[in-house]
């Protein structure tokens, strides 16, 4: 069973870019658009995470707690693991 689809309006410029990319890669325009949207979604997630860390770093007390917690977790990385 194939994936359900919907029609989305894009500018002629975007359609022409999709068409050129499709010719260049051999991928269907829908696949290229799907991948572009997924990449954009992931980029937004990373940008939000970066903003959250920036805000956290601006609060010295909260950032100190974050660093201390990381140190605590780092010390557990090798728990119960013997050298081979």
Protein backbone atom coordinates (compact mmCIF):
# COMPACT_ATOMS: atom_id res chain seq x y z
CA UNK A 1 0.00 0.00 0.00
CA UNK A 2 1.45 3.37 -1.00
CA UNK A 3 1.73 6.42 1.21
CA UNK A 4 -1.20 8.84 1.09
CA UNK A 5 -0.49 12.15 -0.62
CA UNK A 6 -1.83 15.70 -0.70
CA UNK A 7 -1.51 18.60 -3.09
CA UNK A 8 0.56 21.56 -1.93
CA UNK A 9 0.92 24.81 -3.82
CA UNK A 10 4.46 26.05 -4.36
CA UNK A 11 5.79 28.90 -6.42
CA UNK A 12 6.88 28.22 -9.98
CA UNK A 13 10.45 28.95 -8.89
CA UNK A 14 10.30 26.15 -6.28
CA UNK A 15 8.64 23.79 -8.74
CA UNK A 16 11.39 24.46 -11.29
CA UNK A 17 14.08 23.87 -8.67
CA UNK A 18 12.39 20.59 -7.70
CA UNK A 19 12.19 19.60 -11.36
CA UNK A 20 15.91 20.36 -11.90
CA UNK A 21 16.87 18.44 -8.75
CA UNK A 22 14.72 15.53 -9.87
CA UNK A 23 16.44 15.41 -13.25
CA UNK A 24 19.85 15.67 -11.61
CA UNK A 25 19.29 12.99 -8.98
CA UNK A 26 16.74 10.73 -10.62
CA UNK A 27 14.55 11.05 -7.51
CA UNK A 28 10.88 11.99 -7.77
CA UNK A 29 10.07 15.61 -6.91
CA UNK A 30 7.85 14.43 -4.03
CA UNK A 31 10.77 12.51 -2.49
CA UNK A 32 13.03 15.55 -2.75
CA UNK A 33 10.39 17.73 -1.13
CA UNK A 34 9.78 15.15 1.61
CA UNK A 35 13.49 15.02 2.40
CA UNK A 36 13.80 18.82 2.39
CA UNK A 37 10.90 19.19 4.82
CA UNK A 38 12.32 16.49 7.12
CA UNK A 39 15.74 18.18 7.09
CA UNK A 40 14.10 21.52 7.91
CA UNK A 41 12.15 19.93 10.77
CA UNK A 42 15.38 18.51 12.21
CA UNK A 43 17.15 21.85 11.80
CA UNK A 44 14.42 23.57 13.81
CA UNK A 45 14.75 20.99 16.59
CA UNK A 46 18.49 21.64 16.80
CA UNK A 47 17.99 25.41 16.74
CA UNK A 48 15.48 25.16 19.60
CA UNK A 49 17.90 23.01 21.58
CA UNK A 50 20.70 25.50 20.97
CA UNK A 51 18.45 28.36 22.13
CA UNK A 52 17.54 26.43 25.26
CA UNK A 53 21.21 25.77 26.07
CA UNK A 54 22.05 29.42 25.43
CA UNK A 55 19.32 30.46 27.86
CA UNK A 56 20.55 27.89 30.38
CA UNK A 57 24.13 29.19 30.10
CA UNK A 58 22.93 32.74 30.76
CA UNK A 59 21.79 31.64 34.24
CA UNK A 60 25.09 30.96 36.02
CA UNK A 61 23.54 28.95 38.86
CA UNK A 62 21.51 26.72 36.54
CA UNK A 63 24.50 26.22 34.21
CA UNK A 64 26.70 25.24 37.17
CA UNK A 65 24.11 22.61 38.13
CA UNK A 66 24.07 21.34 34.53
CA UNK A 67 27.85 21.01 34.45
CA UNK A 68 27.90 19.21 37.80
CA UNK A 69 25.21 16.80 36.64
CA UNK A 70 27.19 16.07 33.46
CA UNK A 71 30.27 15.31 35.55
CA UNK A 72 28.21 12.93 37.64
CA UNK A 73 26.92 11.12 34.56
CA UNK A 74 30.39 11.05 32.97
CA UNK A 75 31.71 9.22 36.00
CA UNK A 76 29.20 6.41 35.35
CA UNK A 77 30.29 5.83 31.74
CA UNK A 78 32.69 3.06 32.64
CA UNK A 79 30.77 1.47 35.55
CA UNK A 80 31.27 -2.28 35.69
CA UNK A 81 33.30 -2.34 32.50
CA UNK A 82 36.62 -4.10 32.71
CA UNK A 83 39.57 -3.53 30.39
CA UNK A 84 39.75 -6.18 27.74
